[in-house]
Amino acid sequence: RTGFYCKLCGLFYTSEEMAKISHCRSAIHYRNLQKYLSQLAEEGLKETEGAGSPGPEEGGMVPQFERKKL
């Protein structure tokens, strides 16, 4: 199948145009995007402070984002 998958929210849409219109402009997607950007900023700070701490791919915590309620 073809469509659009939002990695932030874990949702699949069969129509990319509808996903852009209805989902990518939604409050849920925006909150998940803000959380993701905050996480990236924190990881960047940790890397500059010290390279000894494990990242998410090395067994650290991985945040769970909100999912759109159907």
PDB file of N, CA and C in Angstrom:
ATOM      1  N   ARG A   1       0.833  -1.192   0.000  1.00  0.00           N
ATOM      2  CA  ARG A   1       0.000   0.000   0.000  1.00  0.00           C
ATOM      3  C   ARG A   1       0.867   1.241   0.000  1.00  0.00           C
ATOM      4  N   THR A   2       0.316   2.260  -0.534  1.00  0.00           N
ATOM      5  CA  THR A   2       1.007   3.538  -0.514  1.00  0.00           C
ATOM      6  C   THR A   2       0.223   4.505   0.351  1.00  0.00           C
ATOM      7  N   GLY A   3       0.929   5.460   0.884  1.00  0.00           N
ATOM      8  CA  GLY A   3       0.284   6.450   1.730  1.00  0.00           C
ATOM      9  C   GLY A   3       1.321   7.239   2.493  1.00  0.00           C
ATOM     10  N   PHE A   4       0.928   7.698   3.664  1.00  0.00           N
ATOM     11  CA  PHE A   4       1.784   8.528   4.495  1.00  0.00           C
ATOM     12  C   PHE A   4       1.815   7.956   5.900  1.00  0.00           C
ATOM     13  N   TYR A   5       3.020   7.750   6.459  1.00  0.00           N
ATOM     14  CA  TYR A   5       3.175   7.260   7.822  1.00  0.00           C
ATOM     15  C   TYR A   5       3.843   8.339   8.657  1.00  0.00           C
ATOM     16  N   CYS A   6       3.193   8.756   9.720  1.00  0.00           N
ATOM     17  CA  CYS A   6       3.762   9.756  10.616  1.00  0.00           C
ATOM     18  C   CYS A   6       4.580   9.021  11.675  1.00  0.00           C
ATOM     19  N   LYS A   7       5.890   9.159  11.616  1.00  0.00           N
ATOM     20  CA  LYS A   7       6.773   8.477  12.561  1.00  0.00           C
ATOM     21  C   LYS A   7       6.616   9.018  13.976  1.00  0.00           C
ATOM     22  N   LEU A   8       6.290  10.278  14.110  1.00  0.00           N
ATOM     23  CA  LEU A   8       6.120  10.876  15.433  1.00  0.00           C
ATOM     24  C   LEU A   8       4.916  10.295  16.164  1.00  0.00           C
ATOM     25  N   CYS A   9       3.836  10.103  15.449  1.00  0.00           N
ATOM     26  CA  CYS A   9       2.578   9.700  16.071  1.00  0.00           C
ATOM     27  C   CYS A   9       2.239   8.230  15.851  1.00  0.00           C
ATOM     28  N   GLY A  10       2.942   7.581  14.939  1.00  0.00           N
ATOM     29  CA  GLY A  10       2.695   6.169  14.664  1.00  0.00           C
ATOM     30  C   GLY A  10       1.386   5.928  13.924  1.00  0.00           C
ATOM     31  N   LEU A  11       0.988   6.866  13.083  1.00  0.00           N
ATOM     32  CA  LEU A  11      -0.266   6.741  12.351  1.00  0.00           C
ATOM     33  C   LEU A  11      -0.010   6.635  10.859  1.00  0.00           C
ATOM     34  N   PHE A  12      -0.828   5.824  10.178  1.00  0.00           N
ATOM     35  CA  PHE A  12      -0.719   5.647   8.733  1.00  0.00           C
ATOM     36  C   PHE A  12      -1.972   6.191   8.066  1.00  0.00           C
ATOM     37  N   TYR A  13      -1.766   6.932   6.997  1.00  0.00           N
ATOM     38  CA  TYR A  13      -2.865   7.490   6.209  1.00  0.00           C
ATOM     39  C   TYR A  13      -2.736   7.012   4.779  1.00  0.00           C
ATOM     40  N   THR A  14      -3.849   6.612   4.187  1.00  0.00           N
ATOM     41  CA  THR A  14      -3.804   6.141   2.800  1.00  0.00           C
ATOM     42  C   THR A  14      -3.664   7.298   1.833  1.00  0.00           C
ATOM     43  N   SER A  15      -4.058   8.486   2.243  1.00  0.00           N
ATOM     44  CA  SER A  15      -3.953   9.671   1.393  1.00  0.00           C
ATOM     45  C   SER A  15      -2.951  10.647   2.007  1.00  0.00           C
ATOM     46  N   GLU A  16      -1.866  10.881   1.310  1.00  0.00           N
ATOM     47  CA  GLU A  16      -0.853  11.811   1.814  1.00  0.00           C
ATOM     48  C   GLU A  16      -1.426  13.223   1.932  1.00  0.00           C
ATOM     49  N   GLU A  17      -2.253  13.607   0.992  1.00  0.00           N
ATOM     50  CA  GLU A  17      -2.844  14.940   1.024  1.00  0.00           C
ATOM     51  C   GLU A  17      -3.729  15.112   2.256  1.00  0.00           C
ATOM     52  N   MET A  18      -4.538  14.109   2.583  1.00  0.00           N
ATOM     53  CA  MET A  18      -5.397  14.191   3.768  1.00  0.00           C
ATOM     54  C   MET A  18      -4.563  14.204   5.042  1.00  0.00           C
ATOM     55  N   ALA A  19      -3.480  13.467   5.050  1.00  0.00           N
ATOM     56  CA  ALA A  19      -2.601  13.457   6.224  1.00  0.00           C
ATOM     57  C   ALA A  19      -2.017  14.840   6.459  1.00  0.00           C
ATOM     58  N   LYS A  20      -1.584  15.474   5.404  1.00  0.00           N
ATOM     59  CA  LYS A  20      -1.016  16.822   5.525  1.00  0.00           C
ATOM     60  C   LYS A  20      -2.063  17.819   6.002  1.00  0.00           C
ATOM     61  N   ILE A  21      -3.282  17.686   5.505  1.00  0.00           N
ATOM     62  CA  ILE A  21      -4.340  18.628   5.856  1.00  0.00           C
ATOM     63  C   ILE A  21      -4.882  18.364   7.257  1.00  0.00           C
ATOM     64  N   SER A  22      -5.252  17.120   7.540  1.00  0.00           N
ATOM     65  CA  SER A  22      -5.934  16.843   8.803  1.00  0.00           C
ATOM     66  C   SER A  22      -4.993  16.492   9.954  1.00  0.00           C
ATOM     67  N   HIS A  23      -3.944  15.736   9.711  1.00  0.00           N
ATOM     68  CA  HIS A  23      -3.098  15.278  10.815  1.00  0.00           C
ATOM     69  C   HIS A  23      -1.936  16.213  11.118  1.00  0.00           C
ATOM     70  N   CYS A  24      -1.170  16.569  10.131  1.00  0.00           N
ATOM     71  CA  CYS A  24       0.054  17.351  10.368  1.00  0.00           C
ATOM     72  C   CYS A  24      -0.233  18.735  10.938  1.00  0.00           C
ATOM     73  N   ARG A  25      -1.455  19.187  10.837  1.00  0.00           N
ATOM     74  CA  ARG A  25      -1.848  20.475  11.414  1.00  0.00           C
ATOM     75  C   ARG A  25      -2.569  20.310  12.749  1.00  0.00           C
ATOM     76  N   SER A  26      -2.662  19.070  13.248  1.00  0.00           N
ATOM     77  CA  SER A  26      -3.413  18.816  14.472  1.00  0.00           C
ATOM     78  C   SER A  26      -2.591  19.143  15.721  1.00  0.00           C
ATOM     79  N   ALA A  27      -3.295  19.342  16.821  1.00  0.00           N
ATOM     80  CA  ALA A  27      -2.638  19.649  18.100  1.00  0.00           C
ATOM     81  C   ALA A  27      -1.818  18.465  18.590  1.00  0.00           C
ATOM     82  N   ILE A  28      -2.303  17.251  18.388  1.00  0.00           N
ATOM     83  CA  ILE A  28      -1.573  16.048  18.813  1.00  0.00           C
ATOM     84  C   ILE A  28      -0.226  15.971  18.108  1.00  0.00           C
ATOM     85  N   HIS A  29      -0.224  16.162  16.794  1.00  0.00           N
ATOM     86  CA  HIS A  29       1.023  16.098  16.030  1.00  0.00           C
ATOM     87  C   HIS A  29       1.977  17.207  16.477  1.00  0.00           C
ATOM     88  N   TYR A  30       1.450  18.390  16.705  1.00  0.00           N
ATOM     89  CA  TYR A  30       2.285  19.514  17.130  1.00  0.00           C
ATOM     90  C   TYR A  30       2.931  19.232  18.489  1.00  0.00           C
ATOM     91  N   ARG A  31       2.159  18.672  19.437  1.00  0.00           N
ATOM     92  CA  ARG A  31       2.732  18.328  20.753  1.00  0.00           C
ATOM     93  C   ARG A  31       3.813  17.271  20.618  1.00  0.00           C
ATOM     94  N   ASN A  32       3.565  16.262  19.790  1.00  0.00           N
ATOM     95  CA  ASN A  32       4.576  15.224  19.580  1.00  0.00           C
ATOM     96  C   ASN A  32       5.829  15.802  18.947  1.00  0.00           C
ATOM     97  N   LEU A  33       5.670  16.738  18.030  1.00  0.00           N
ATOM     98  CA  LEU A  33       6.811  17.383  17.389  1.00  0.00           C
ATOM     99  C   LEU A  33       7.606  18.185  18.414  1.00  0.00           C
ATOM    100  N   GLN A  34       6.905  18.917  19.289  1.00  0.00           N
ATOM    101  CA  GLN A  34       7.589  19.698  20.320  1.00  0.00           C
ATOM    102  C   GLN A  34       8.368  18.784  21.273  1.00  0.00           C
ATOM    103  N   LYS A  35       7.774  17.662  21.656  1.00  0.00           N
ATOM    104  CA  LYS A  35       8.453  16.705  22.535  1.00  0.00           C
ATOM    105  C   LYS A  35       9.703  16.146  21.852  1.00  0.00           C
ATOM    106  N   TYR A  36       9.578  15.816  20.573  1.00  0.00           N
ATOM    107  CA  TYR A  36      10.702  15.273  19.825  1.00  0.00           C
ATOM    108  C   TYR A  36      11.839  16.287  19.723  1.00  0.00           C
ATOM    109  N   LEU A  37      11.498  17.539  19.431  1.00  0.00           N
ATOM    110  CA  LEU A  37      12.532  18.568  19.314  1.00  0.00           C
ATOM    111  C   LEU A  37      13.195  18.842  20.660  1.00  0.00           C
ATOM    112  N   SER A  38      12.426  18.795  21.742  1.00  0.00           N
ATOM    113  CA  SER A  38      12.996  18.961  23.079  1.00  0.00           C
ATOM    114  C   SER A  38      13.953  17.826  23.401  1.00  0.00           C
ATOM    115  N   GLN A  39      13.561  16.613  23.025  1.00  0.00           N
ATOM    116  CA  GLN A  39      14.412  15.446  23.249  1.00  0.00           C
ATOM    117  C   GLN A  39      15.726  15.587  22.482  1.00  0.00           C
ATOM    118  N   LEU A  40      15.660  16.024  21.239  1.00  0.00           N
ATOM    119  CA  LEU A  40      16.878  16.219  20.452  1.00  0.00           C
ATOM    120  C   LEU A  40      17.782  17.266  21.095  1.00  0.00           C
ATOM    121  N   ALA A  41      17.187  18.337  21.587  1.00  0.00           N
ATOM    122  CA  ALA A  41      17.974  19.394  22.227  1.00  0.00           C
ATOM    123  C   ALA A  41      18.653  18.865  23.492  1.00  0.00           C
ATOM    124  N   GLU A  42      17.926  18.075  24.304  1.00  0.00           N
ATOM    125  CA  GLU A  42      18.511  17.496  25.517  1.00  0.00           C
ATOM    126  C   GLU A  42      19.657  16.560  25.180  1.00  0.00           C
ATOM    127  N   GLU A  43      19.467  15.727  24.153  1.00  0.00           N
ATOM    128  CA  GLU A  43      20.534  14.805  23.748  1.00  0.00           C
ATOM    129  C   GLU A  43      21.757  15.568  23.269  1.00  0.00           C
ATOM    130  N   GLY A  44      21.543  16.664  22.570  1.00  0.00           N
ATOM    131  CA  GLY A  44      22.653  17.491  22.110  1.00  0.00           C
ATOM    132  C   GLY A  44      23.421  18.082  23.277  1.00  0.00           C
ATOM    133  N   LEU A  45      22.702  18.516  24.319  1.00  0.00           N
ATOM    134  CA  LEU A  45      23.362  19.051  25.513  1.00  0.00           C
ATOM    135  C   LEU A  45      24.160  17.974  26.236  1.00  0.00           C
ATOM    136  N   LYS A  46      23.584  16.769  26.324  1.00  0.00           N
ATOM    137  CA  LYS A  46      24.286  15.672  27.001  1.00  0.00           C
ATOM    138  C   LYS A  46      25.570  15.314  26.269  1.00  0.00           C
ATOM    139  N   GLU A  47      25.519  15.333  24.931  1.00  0.00           N
ATOM    140  CA  GLU A  47      26.707  15.002  24.138  1.00  0.00           C
ATOM    141  C   GLU A  47      27.813  16.029  24.345  1.00  0.00           C
ATOM    142  N   THR A  48      27.435  17.291  24.479  1.00  0.00           N
ATOM    143  CA  THR A  48      28.458  18.322  24.661  1.00  0.00           C
ATOM    144  C   THR A  48      29.004  18.323  26.083  1.00  0.00           C
ATOM    145  N   GLU A  49      28.171  17.911  27.076  1.00  0.00           N
ATOM    146  CA  GLU A  49      28.627  17.869  28.464  1.00  0.00           C
ATOM    147  C   GLU A  49      29.519  16.671  28.744  1.00  0.00           C
ATOM    148  N   GLY A  50      29.195  15.533  28.167  1.00  0.00           N
ATOM    149  CA  GLY A  50      29.999  14.334  28.394  1.00  0.00           C
ATOM    150  C   GLY A  50      29.573  13.223  27.468  1.00  0.00           C
ATOM    151  N   ALA A  51      30.532  12.528  26.924  1.00  0.00           N
ATOM    152  CA  ALA A  51      30.218  11.484  25.941  1.00  0.00           C
ATOM    153  C   ALA A  51      30.081  10.115  26.586  1.00  0.00           C
ATOM    154  N   GLY A  52      30.016   9.993  27.909  1.00  0.00           N
ATOM    155  CA  GLY A  52      29.953   8.702  28.569  1.00  0.00           C
ATOM    156  C   GLY A  52      28.563   8.178  28.816  1.00  0.00           C
ATOM    157  N   SER A  53      27.508   8.983  28.616  1.00  0.00           N
ATOM    158  CA  SER A  53      26.162   8.516  28.925  1.00  0.00           C
ATOM    159  C   SER A  53      25.547   7.806  27.726  1.00  0.00           C
ATOM    160  N   PRO A  54      24.761   6.722  27.985  1.00  0.00           N
ATOM    161  CA  PRO A  54      24.148   5.981  26.880  1.00  0.00           C
ATOM    162  C   PRO A  54      22.995   6.743  26.257  1.00  0.00           C
ATOM    163  N   GLY A  55      22.851   6.632  24.938  1.00  0.00           N
ATOM    164  CA  GLY A  55      21.746   7.244  24.224  1.00  0.00           C
ATOM    165  C   GLY A  55      20.568   6.298  24.186  1.00  0.00           C
ATOM    166  N   PRO A  56      19.457   6.701  23.592  1.00  0.00           N
ATOM    167  CA  PRO A  56      18.274   5.843  23.531  1.00  0.00           C
ATOM    168  C   PRO A  56      18.523   4.521  22.826  1.00  0.00           C
ATOM    169  N   GLU A  57      19.378   4.519  21.802  1.00  0.00           N
ATOM    170  CA  GLU A  57      19.661   3.283  21.084  1.00  0.00           C
ATOM    171  C   GLU A  57      20.577   2.353  21.866  1.00  0.00           C
ATOM    172  N   GLU A  58      21.149   2.849  22.947  1.00  0.00           N
ATOM    173  CA  GLU A  58      22.049   2.049  23.766  1.00  0.00           C
ATOM    174  C   GLU A  58      21.392   1.624  25.082  1.00  0.00           C
ATOM    175  N   GLY A  59      20.071   1.625  25.139  1.00  0.00           N
ATOM    176  CA  GLY A  59      19.397   1.163  26.331  1.00  0.00           C
ATOM    177  C   GLY A  59      18.857   2.270  27.207  1.00  0.00           C
ATOM    178  N   GLY A  60      18.945   3.525  26.785  1.00  0.00           N
ATOM    179  CA  GLY A  60      18.397   4.630  27.560  1.00  0.00           C
ATOM    180  C   GLY A  60      16.885   4.689  27.406  1.00  0.00           C
ATOM    181  N   MET A  61      16.278   5.689  27.983  1.00  0.00           N
ATOM    182  CA  MET A  61      14.824   5.839  27.908  1.00  0.00           C
ATOM    183  C   MET A  61      14.413   6.399  26.554  1.00  0.00           C
ATOM    184  N   VAL A  62      13.323   5.879  26.035  1.00  0.00           N
ATOM    185  CA  VAL A  62      12.755   6.366  24.781  1.00  0.00           C
ATOM    186  C   VAL A  62      11.360   6.878  25.094  1.00  0.00           C
ATOM    187  N   PRO A  63      11.052   8.146  24.779  1.00  0.00           N
ATOM    188  CA  PRO A  63       9.741   8.698  25.139  1.00  0.00           C
ATOM    189  C   PRO A  63       8.614   8.071  24.324  1.00  0.00           C
ATOM    190  N   GLN A  64       7.458   7.990  24.946  1.00  0.00           N
ATOM    191  CA  GLN A  64       6.256   7.540  24.261  1.00  0.00           C
ATOM    192  C   GLN A  64       5.426   8.769  23.945  1.00  0.00           C
ATOM    193  N   PHE A  65       5.089   8.968  22.693  1.00  0.00           N
ATOM    194  CA  PHE A  65       4.346  10.128  22.262  1.00  0.00           C
ATOM    195  C   PHE A  65       2.855   9.831  22.313  1.00  0.00           C
ATOM    196  N   GLU A  66       2.070  10.876  22.378  1.00  0.00           N
ATOM    197  CA  GLU A  66       0.618  10.732  22.372  1.00  0.00           C
ATOM    198  C   GLU A  66       0.164  10.230  21.018  1.00  0.00           C
ATOM    199  N   ARG A  67      -0.864   9.387  21.034  1.00  0.00           N
ATOM    200  CA  ARG A  67      -1.455   8.925  19.783  1.00  0.00           C
ATOM    201  C   ARG A  67      -2.823   9.570  19.625  1.00  0.00           C
ATOM    202  N   LYS A  68      -3.169   9.843  18.402  1.00  0.00           N
ATOM    203  CA  LYS A  68      -4.468  10.449  18.120  1.00  0.00           C
ATOM    204  C   LYS A  68      -5.551   9.446  18.466  1.00  0.00           C
ATOM    205  N   LYS A  69      -6.535   9.878  19.219  1.00  0.00           N
ATOM    206  CA  LYS A  69      -7.651   9.008  19.598  1.00  0.00           C
ATOM    207  C   LYS A  69      -8.636   8.956  18.449  1.00  0.00           C
ATOM    208  N   LEU A  70      -9.038   7.739  18.107  1.00  0.00           N
ATOM    209  CA  LEU A  70      -9.968   7.552  16.980  1.00  0.00           C
ATOM    210  C   LEU A  70     -11.390   7.625  17.432  1.00  0.00           C
TER     211      LEU A  70
END
